Structures are given as structure tokens and as C-alpha cells.
């Protein structure tokens, strides 16, 4: 038992001496817990709806006032066309319509009646059922208060039927942002520490090559890899999934190229600090996963708490994702996405300075 206990003690102490193991085993799960906790336990989440009143009845006006004052809803004031576009891209949960005859007195019964129309995004039946249930309960209470034997007020739910851009067309921007991020973090952040660990960088230091030339060669190489990868992605999206580019391809290319530069520079920062391949891999994951979930790539930002949304704004991927989505789905020009481009340019300058300051040829003083 003595050798077993001695080895157990040695491995246990080794684990706590190595900060990389501590980060991998203890910190990453905590990061995921905080991210998903902030997304799914946010008590402030409200259903985003647009309300349209075509009726002049007092009942309709009172119900709309109740919707606007309710903690369960966030009423978005926009045109019907804007609401439908917003719903397709996932920014709106429902459209609520009070038709012209809502609240009118039925000639046969002598009582007011009407049907609220609730429109939800195609494929999102859960939200449609949720909205339908909320309003059905409200109308049931009104029916009982009026003492009516049968429910004259009711709810109709239906899917949004609209041609044009599909949900997939809006999702592609997030997938492209993820792909651009992955190129910088899964390649550059790991390859350079691998070369450092194996002694390749130490040998490179003996040849007449400057630091910026070496780092620039990595940046250019993986910019080329990114261009090829994105071209392949767009080819597949268009030819196999009927992707519709609503914007300008040249503007898309410029925004994607800027994103590739920034993400590869972030990868170079990790590569400059990491001593080994494992450290590079873990460092990339620590930065990549929070950025991926908090930048609106896979989860709409409005699902998150205000604190989570504020954290998301410190990541360059947020501005890359916003810029690509505006160009690809809203047909914005480069001038219209100048705020996103400007912020990414500032990130690029800062990251370049950090890389040049932190990069070392070998493991000494890294």
C-alpha cells in the first residue's frame, strides 16, 4: 500500500502544481455553469412581441394596456413588415393582432365577442403554444366575468407564412462567425506552442528572420486557409441548402477578412504565451467557448441577462457577428457597419501590440 499511497500523493500534488490542469478540470466547468446559468436562469426574460390593434373597442384597448404593463412581455413598436422580418431572424417571439371586429357586440347573443390572432415563427410551435396559453387564460377570465355560457372571446395561433429569407439564411452569419473564430483558435493557438515545445522555434531563432516576419507568415497562411474554408462553406450553403445572400458579396468578403485577421491575432496571443501544445489548446478553449456563447452566435443576446450582454460586448466576435449578419441579411453597406469595423480595427491594433510584446522564440521567460 505504501507505493500506492506515495504515488497517489505525488499525482495529487502534481495536479495542484500545474495551473493548466486546474483550469481544465475546475475553471472550464465553472465557466460553462456561469454562462448557461446566466442564459437560462434569467428571471428578466420577457417575450418580445409586436401588437397591432385594428379594433376600436374598449376591451381591446384594455388588453393592450395590460400587455404593455405586464412583466411577461416586451412590446416592440415597429411596422408589420419589420415585425415579420424580425420574427424570421429570431428577434421577435410573436405578433399579436386584434382584428377590426374584436369586442363588437354579437347580434345573436347581445354580448361582445372576438378572436385574437397570434402569429409565431414557423417551426417554433412551443412559443406559439405559450403565447396562446397566456391569452386563452386571460380571455377565459373575461368570459367568466361576463357570465357567458360559451367562450365568445378566443385565440387563434398560426405560423408566419412569408416568402423571402429563411431561418437558415439568418443562421448562416453565426455559422460563418464561428468558422472564422475556429480558424484562429484551433490552428494558430496550438501549432506555434507545438513548435516551441519541440524546439523548432529555437532553431528558427538562429536563422536571419525577424519576429514580425515569422508571425506574419502564420497570419497570412491562415488568412488563405480561412478564405478557402469560407468559400467552400458558401458553395455548400448555396448549392445544397438554398442559401440566399441578401447583401453584397464584396462587403461580405471585406467583413470576413477583417474578422479573420482579428481572430488569428487572438490566436497568436495565446500561441505567444503558451509553452506547450496542451497549454495552447486549453488557453484557446478558455477564450473561445465564452466568446462563442456570449457573442450572439448561437443564442440571441436578448435571452441573456443584462450582465451577460455587457460581458458579450467586450468580445470582438460580437461585432464580427453583428456586422456579418447586417450585411448578409439586411443588405447593409460597409458605411452602415462602420461602427463594427472600427471596433474590430481597434482590437486588431491592440492584439498586434500584445503579440509583438509577448512572443518568445523558446520557453524562456514566456
Protein backbone atom coordinates (compact mmCIF):
# COMPACT_ATOMS: atom_id res chain seq x y z
CA UNK A 1 0.00 0.00 0.00
CA UNK A 2 2.89 2.37 0.68
CA UNK A 3 3.91 2.75 -3.01
CA UNK A 4 0.25 3.22 -3.96
CA UNK A 5 -0.26 5.95 -1.37
CA UNK A 6 3.02 7.64 -2.25
CA UNK A 7 2.14 7.75 -5.95
CA UNK A 8 -1.38 8.94 -5.14
CA UNK A 9 0.05 11.79 -3.10
CA UNK A 10 2.54 12.67 -5.84
CA UNK A 11 -0.17 12.78 -8.55
CA UNK A 12 -2.48 14.78 -6.30
CA UNK A 13 0.18 17.40 -5.58
CA UNK A 14 1.25 17.45 -9.23
CA UNK A 15 -2.33 18.26 -10.23
CA UNK A 16 -2.47 21.30 -7.96
CA UNK A 17 1.00 22.48 -9.01
CA UNK A 18 0.05 22.59 -12.68
CA UNK A 19 -2.20 25.56 -13.31
CA UNK A 20 -3.23 24.16 -16.71
CA UNK A 21 -4.80 21.08 -15.11
CA UNK A 22 -6.54 23.27 -12.56
CA UNK A 23 -8.00 25.42 -15.32
CA UNK A 24 -9.07 22.47 -17.45
CA UNK A 25 -10.71 20.48 -14.66
CA UNK A 26 -12.03 23.20 -12.36
CA UNK A 27 -12.32 26.51 -14.20
CA UNK A 28 -13.86 25.43 -17.53
CA UNK A 29 -16.87 23.70 -15.91
CA UNK A 30 -17.42 26.81 -13.78
CA UNK A 31 -17.29 28.98 -16.90
CA UNK A 32 -19.97 26.83 -18.56
CA UNK A 33 -22.06 26.92 -15.40
CA UNK A 34 -21.94 30.72 -15.26
CA UNK A 35 -22.71 31.11 -18.98
CA UNK A 36 -25.70 28.77 -19.10
CA UNK A 37 -26.86 29.92 -15.69
CA UNK A 38 -26.92 33.47 -16.97
CA UNK A 39 -28.85 32.41 -20.06
CA UNK A 40 -31.42 30.02 -18.66
CA UNK A 41 -31.97 31.34 -15.13
CA UNK A 42 -32.55 34.92 -16.17
CA UNK A 43 -35.80 35.92 -14.46
CA UNK A 44 -35.94 39.11 -16.50
CA UNK A 45 -36.53 37.29 -19.80
CA UNK A 46 -39.70 38.54 -21.44
CA UNK A 47 -41.44 37.50 -24.61
CA UNK A 48 -40.74 40.05 -27.33
CA UNK A 49 -43.95 40.82 -29.22
CA UNK A 50 -45.38 43.41 -31.56
CA UNK A 51 -49.05 44.31 -31.05
CA UNK A 52 -51.43 45.64 -33.70
CA UNK A 53 -54.87 46.93 -32.81
CA UNK A 54 -57.32 47.13 -35.70
CA UNK A 55 -60.27 47.35 -33.30
CA UNK A 56 -61.76 50.42 -31.66
CA UNK A 57 -63.29 48.52 -28.74
CA UNK A 58 -62.53 49.36 -25.13
CA UNK A 59 -61.87 45.69 -24.36
CA UNK A 60 -59.06 45.58 -26.94
CA UNK A 61 -57.52 48.78 -25.60
CA UNK A 62 -57.60 47.45 -22.03
CA UNK A 63 -55.98 44.17 -23.09
CA UNK A 64 -53.22 46.00 -24.95
CA UNK A 65 -52.57 48.19 -21.92
CA UNK A 66 -52.29 45.03 -19.86
CA UNK A 67 -49.77 43.57 -22.33
CA UNK A 68 -47.65 46.74 -22.24
CA UNK A 69 -47.63 46.83 -18.44
CA UNK A 70 -47.03 43.11 -17.99
CA UNK A 71 -43.62 41.84 -16.85
CA UNK A 72 -44.07 38.87 -19.21
CA UNK A 73 -43.88 40.94 -22.41
CA UNK A 74 -41.60 43.42 -24.10
CA UNK A 75 -43.66 45.24 -26.71
CA UNK A 76 -41.64 46.28 -29.79
CA UNK A 77 -43.05 49.24 -31.72
CA UNK A 78 -42.45 48.62 -35.43
CA UNK A 79 -44.29 48.22 -38.70
CA UNK A 80 -45.94 44.90 -39.55
CA UNK A 81 -43.37 44.21 -42.26
CA UNK A 82 -40.49 44.95 -39.90
CA UNK A 83 -42.07 42.68 -37.28
CA UNK A 84 -42.29 39.77 -39.72
CA UNK A 85 -38.67 40.21 -40.77
CA UNK A 86 -37.65 40.49 -37.13
CA UNK A 87 -39.51 37.29 -36.30
CA UNK A 88 -37.91 35.31 -39.14
CA UNK A 89 -34.42 36.11 -37.87
CA UNK A 90 -35.33 35.22 -34.29
CA UNK A 91 -35.55 38.71 -32.78
CA UNK A 92 -39.30 38.58 -32.11
CA UNK A 93 -41.35 35.88 -30.39
CA UNK A 94 -44.78 36.74 -31.67
CA UNK A 95 -47.14 39.11 -33.46
CA UNK A 96 -50.46 39.80 -31.72
CA UNK A 97 -53.33 41.16 -33.79
CA UNK A 98 -56.68 42.46 -32.52
CA UNK A 99 -58.89 42.34 -35.64
CA UNK A 100 -61.34 45.05 -36.58
CA UNK A 101 -64.38 43.20 -35.20
CA UNK A 102 -62.77 42.32 -31.86
CA UNK A 103 -65.04 43.42 -28.99
CA UNK A 104 -68.03 44.14 -31.17
CA UNK A 105 -71.42 43.07 -29.87
CA UNK A 106 -72.71 39.88 -31.44
CA UNK A 107 -76.25 40.49 -32.78
CA UNK A 108 -77.42 36.96 -31.91
CA UNK A 109 -76.19 36.86 -28.32
CA UNK A 110 -76.10 40.55 -27.49
CA UNK A 111 -72.64 40.07 -25.95
CA UNK A 112 -69.19 41.24 -27.09
CA UNK A 113 -67.04 38.69 -28.87
CA UNK A 114 -63.86 38.38 -30.88
CA UNK A 115 -60.77 36.34 -31.66
CA UNK A 116 -57.16 37.40 -31.04
CA UNK A 117 -54.75 36.33 -33.76
CA UNK A 118 -51.30 35.21 -32.60
CA UNK A 119 -48.62 34.65 -35.22
CA UNK A 120 -45.40 32.79 -34.40
CA UNK A 121 -42.30 31.86 -36.34
CA UNK A 122 -42.53 28.75 -38.49
CA UNK A 123 -41.13 25.76 -36.62
CA UNK A 124 -41.44 27.47 -33.23
CA UNK A 125 -44.65 25.82 -32.08
CA UNK A 126 -43.56 25.97 -28.44
CA UNK A 127 -43.62 29.77 -28.42
CA UNK A 128 -46.95 29.75 -30.24
CA UNK A 129 -48.42 27.44 -27.62
CA UNK A 130 -47.01 29.58 -24.81
CA UNK A 131 -48.49 32.79 -26.19
CA UNK A 132 -51.78 31.03 -26.98
CA UNK A 133 -51.98 29.65 -23.44
CA UNK A 134 -51.35 33.05 -21.85
CA UNK A 135 -54.07 34.78 -23.82
CA UNK A 136 -56.51 31.89 -23.58
CA UNK A 137 -56.30 32.09 -19.78
CA UNK A 138 -56.87 35.85 -19.89
CA UNK A 139 -59.87 35.55 -22.20
CA UNK A 140 -61.33 32.72 -20.12
CA UNK A 141 -61.36 35.09 -17.17
CA UNK A 142 -63.14 37.74 -19.23
CA UNK A 143 -65.72 35.20 -20.43
CA UNK A 144 -66.44 34.13 -16.86
CA UNK A 145 -66.73 37.73 -15.66
CA UNK A 146 -69.27 38.40 -18.40
CA UNK A 147 -71.21 35.33 -17.32
CA UNK A 148 -71.30 33.92 -20.81
CA UNK A 149 -72.16 30.22 -21.13
CA UNK A 150 -69.75 29.75 -24.01
CA UNK A 151 -66.38 31.37 -24.77
CA UNK A 152 -67.11 34.22 -27.15
CA UNK A 153 -63.57 35.51 -26.82
CA UNK A 154 -60.95 33.11 -28.18
CA UNK A 155 -57.42 32.84 -29.54
CA UNK A 156 -56.18 31.64 -32.91
CA UNK A 157 -52.49 30.78 -33.35
CA UNK A 158 -50.81 30.25 -36.69
CA UNK A 159 -47.36 30.10 -38.23
CA UNK A 160 -45.92 33.04 -40.10
CA UNK A 161 -46.21 32.35 -43.80
CA UNK A 162 -43.79 34.60 -45.61
CA UNK A 163 -41.52 34.11 -48.58
CA UNK A 164 -38.04 35.58 -48.85
CA UNK A 165 -35.20 34.85 -46.47
CA UNK A 166 -35.49 31.65 -44.48
CA UNK A 167 -34.41 30.98 -40.91
CA UNK A 168 -31.35 29.21 -42.34
CA UNK A 169 -30.38 32.39 -44.18
CA UNK A 170 -30.21 34.21 -40.85
CA UNK A 171 -28.34 31.36 -39.12
CA UNK A 172 -25.53 31.28 -41.70
CA UNK A 173 -24.00 34.51 -40.41
CA UNK A 174 -23.49 32.94 -36.99
CA UNK A 175 -22.00 29.79 -38.53
CA UNK A 176 -19.58 31.90 -40.58
CA UNK A 177 -18.56 33.83 -37.45
CA UNK A 178 -17.93 30.56 -35.63
CA UNK A 179 -15.84 29.23 -38.53
CA UNK A 180 -13.71 32.39 -38.60
CA UNK A 181 -13.13 32.15 -34.86
CA UNK A 182 -12.21 28.46 -35.07
CA UNK A 183 -9.51 29.07 -37.68
CA UNK A 184 -7.63 31.37 -35.31
CA UNK A 185 -8.11 29.34 -32.15
CA UNK A 186 -7.89 25.73 -33.28
CA UNK A 187 -4.88 26.19 -35.57
CA UNK A 188 -2.58 29.12 -34.75
CA UNK A 189 -3.05 28.89 -30.97
CA UNK A 190 -1.93 25.25 -30.99
CA UNK A 191 0.61 24.97 -33.82
CA UNK A 192 3.11 27.56 -32.56
CA UNK A 193 3.26 26.15 -28.98
CA UNK A 194 3.78 22.70 -30.53
CA UNK A 195 6.76 24.04 -32.48
CA UNK A 196 8.05 25.78 -29.36
CA UNK A 197 7.79 22.60 -27.32
CA UNK A 198 9.60 20.53 -29.95
CA UNK A 199 12.43 23.06 -30.30
CA UNK A 200 11.54 24.20 -33.81
CA UNK A 201 11.23 27.84 -32.74
CA UNK A 202 14.60 27.74 -31.02
CA UNK A 203 16.16 26.65 -34.29
CA UNK A 204 14.18 29.28 -36.21
CA UNK A 205 15.74 31.93 -33.97
CA UNK A 206 19.17 31.09 -35.40
CA UNK A 207 18.18 31.95 -38.99
CA UNK A 208 18.02 35.55 -40.29
CA UNK A 209 14.29 36.07 -39.81
CA UNK A 210 12.60 38.70 -37.71
CA UNK A 211 9.83 38.09 -35.22
CA UNK A 212 7.21 40.03 -37.20
CA UNK A 213 8.10 38.13 -40.37
CA UNK A 214 7.63 34.78 -38.66
CA UNK A 215 4.32 35.78 -37.07
CA UNK A 216 3.17 37.47 -40.27
CA UNK A 217 3.76 34.26 -42.21
CA UNK A 218 1.38 32.41 -39.89
CA UNK A 219 -1.18 35.17 -40.19
CA UNK A 220 -1.06 35.19 -43.99
CA UNK A 221 -1.12 31.39 -44.23
CA UNK A 222 -4.24 31.08 -42.15
CA UNK A 223 -5.91 34.01 -43.84
CA UNK A 224 -5.56 31.95 -47.01
CA UNK A 225 -6.92 28.88 -45.20
CA UNK A 226 -9.86 30.96 -43.99
CA UNK A 227 -10.66 32.26 -47.47
CA UNK A 228 -10.68 28.71 -48.84
CA UNK A 229 -12.78 27.42 -45.95
CA UNK A 230 -15.35 30.22 -46.21
CA UNK A 231 -15.59 29.84 -49.98
CA UNK A 232 -16.30 26.13 -49.53
CA UNK A 233 -18.91 26.87 -46.84
CA UNK A 234 -20.72 29.36 -49.07
CA UNK A 235 -20.64 26.94 -52.02
CA UNK A 236 -22.28 24.22 -49.92
CA UNK A 237 -24.81 26.62 -48.36
CA UNK A 238 -25.91 27.93 -51.76
CA UNK A 239 -25.94 24.70 -53.74
CA UNK A 240 -27.19 22.24 -51.11
CA UNK A 241 -29.28 24.35 -48.73
CA UNK A 242 -30.56 27.14 -51.00
CA UNK A 243 -28.90 29.91 -49.03
CA UNK A 244 -29.94 33.42 -50.15
CA UNK A 245 -27.38 36.18 -49.84
CA UNK A 246 -29.43 39.32 -49.30
CA UNK A 247 -26.38 41.58 -49.23
CA UNK A 248 -23.31 42.37 -51.30
CA UNK A 249 -20.69 39.64 -51.69
CA UNK A 250 -17.83 42.15 -51.79
CA UNK A 251 -18.92 43.71 -48.49
CA UNK A 252 -19.24 40.22 -47.03
CA UNK A 253 -15.69 39.37 -48.15
CA UNK A 254 -14.25 42.54 -46.60
CA UNK A 255 -16.01 41.94 -43.27
CA UNK A 256 -14.96 38.28 -43.22
CA UNK A 257 -11.34 39.22 -44.00
CA UNK A 258 -11.28 41.73 -41.14
CA UNK A 259 -12.71 39.05 -38.85
CA UNK A 260 -10.08 36.53 -39.94
CA UNK A 261 -7.30 39.00 -39.14
CA UNK A 262 -8.66 39.76 -35.66
CA UNK A 263 -9.35 36.12 -34.75
CA UNK A 264 -5.93 34.97 -35.94
CA UNK A 265 -4.30 37.74 -33.93
CA UNK A 266 -6.16 36.49 -30.85
CA UNK A 267 -4.86 33.01 -31.61
CA UNK A 268 -1.34 34.42 -31.89
CA UNK A 269 -1.64 35.98 -28.43
CA UNK A 270 -2.42 32.59 -26.91
CA UNK A 271 0.34 31.00 -29.00
CA UNK A 272 2.84 33.59 -27.77
CA UNK A 273 2.05 32.90 -24.11
CA UNK A 274 1.55 29.11 -24.16
CA UNK A 275 4.68 27.00 -23.57
CA UNK A 276 3.24 23.67 -24.72
CA UNK A 277 0.62 22.30 -27.08
CA UNK A 278 -1.64 21.44 -24.14
CA UNK A 279 -1.44 24.96 -22.80
CA UNK A 280 -2.27 26.35 -26.22
CA UNK A 281 -5.27 24.04 -26.56
CA UNK A 282 -6.62 24.82 -23.10
CA UNK A 283 -5.99 28.56 -23.48
CA UNK A 284 -7.86 28.55 -26.79
CA UNK A 285 -10.83 26.76 -25.23
CA UNK A 286 -10.95 29.11 -22.25
CA UNK A 287 -11.29 32.11 -24.55
CA UNK A 288 -13.25 30.50 -27.38
CA UNK A 289 -16.20 28.96 -25.52
CA UNK A 290 -17.31 32.02 -23.51
CA UNK A 291 -16.87 34.20 -26.59
CA UNK A 292 -18.85 31.74 -28.72
CA UNK A 293 -21.84 31.64 -26.36
CA UNK A 294 -21.89 35.29 -25.28
CA UNK A 295 -21.41 36.92 -28.70
CA UNK A 296 -24.83 36.03 -30.07
CA UNK A 297 -23.52 33.37 -32.44
CA UNK A 298 -25.80 30.56 -31.24
CA UNK A 299 -28.02 32.29 -28.66
CA UNK A 300 -29.88 35.58 -29.27
CA UNK A 301 -28.46 38.25 -26.98
CA UNK A 302 -31.89 39.19 -25.60
CA UNK A 303 -32.08 35.76 -23.93
CA UNK A 304 -29.22 36.73 -21.64
CA UNK A 305 -29.23 38.90 -18.55
CA UNK A 306 -28.04 42.50 -18.82
CA UNK A 307 -24.76 41.49 -17.15
CA UNK A 308 -24.18 38.72 -19.70
CA UNK A 309 -24.97 41.07 -22.58
CA UNK A 310 -22.47 43.57 -21.18
CA UNK A 311 -19.78 40.87 -20.99
CA UNK A 312 -20.54 39.84 -24.57
CA UNK A 313 -19.74 43.36 -25.76
CA UNK A 314 -16.09 43.02 -24.72
CA UNK A 315 -15.55 40.22 -27.28
CA UNK A 316 -14.61 41.07 -30.88
CA UNK A 317 -16.71 38.15 -32.11
CA UNK A 318 -19.85 40.10 -31.09
CA UNK A 319 -19.04 42.89 -33.55
CA UNK A 320 -17.95 40.49 -36.27
CA UNK A 321 -21.19 38.54 -35.93
CA UNK A 322 -23.29 41.71 -35.92
CA UNK A 323 -21.51 43.09 -38.97
CA UNK A 324 -21.81 39.89 -40.98
CA UNK A 325 -25.50 39.49 -40.12
CA UNK A 326 -26.30 43.08 -41.09
CA UNK A 327 -24.54 42.67 -44.43
CA UNK A 328 -25.86 39.20 -45.23
CA UNK A 329 -29.48 39.62 -44.16
CA UNK A 330 -30.16 43.37 -44.04
CA UNK A 331 -28.16 44.36 -47.15
CA UNK A 332 -26.13 46.93 -45.20
CA UNK A 333 -23.20 48.65 -46.85
CA UNK A 334 -19.71 48.93 -45.40
CA UNK A 335 -20.56 52.51 -44.41
CA UNK A 336 -23.52 51.25 -42.37
CA UNK A 337 -21.36 48.74 -40.49
CA UNK A 338 -18.52 51.20 -39.85
CA UNK A 339 -19.10 51.01 -36.06
CA UNK A 340 -18.44 47.26 -36.12
CA UNK A 341 -15.46 47.66 -38.47
CA UNK A 342 -14.00 50.45 -36.34
CA UNK A 343 -14.21 48.40 -33.13
CA UNK A 344 -12.64 45.38 -34.85
CA UNK A 345 -9.82 47.62 -36.16
CA UNK A 346 -9.10 48.81 -32.60
CA UNK A 347 -9.00 45.19 -31.44
CA UNK A 348 -6.59 44.35 -34.28
CA UNK A 349 -4.18 47.14 -33.29
CA UNK A 350 -4.25 46.18 -29.60
CA UNK A 351 -3.79 42.48 -30.36
CA UNK A 352 -0.85 43.20 -32.70
CA UNK A 353 0.94 45.15 -29.97
CA UNK A 354 0.34 42.38 -27.43
CA UNK A 355 1.61 39.67 -29.80
CA UNK A 356 4.82 41.54 -30.58
CA UNK A 357 5.41 42.19 -26.88
CA UNK A 358 4.76 38.65 -25.65
CA UNK A 359 6.16 36.39 -28.37
CA UNK A 360 9.35 34.47 -27.48
CA UNK A 361 11.29 32.00 -29.60
CA UNK A 362 11.67 29.47 -26.81
CA UNK A 363 10.22 28.67 -23.39
CA UNK A 364 12.47 31.05 -21.51
CA UNK A 365 10.57 33.91 -19.94
CA UNK A 366 7.40 33.10 -21.89
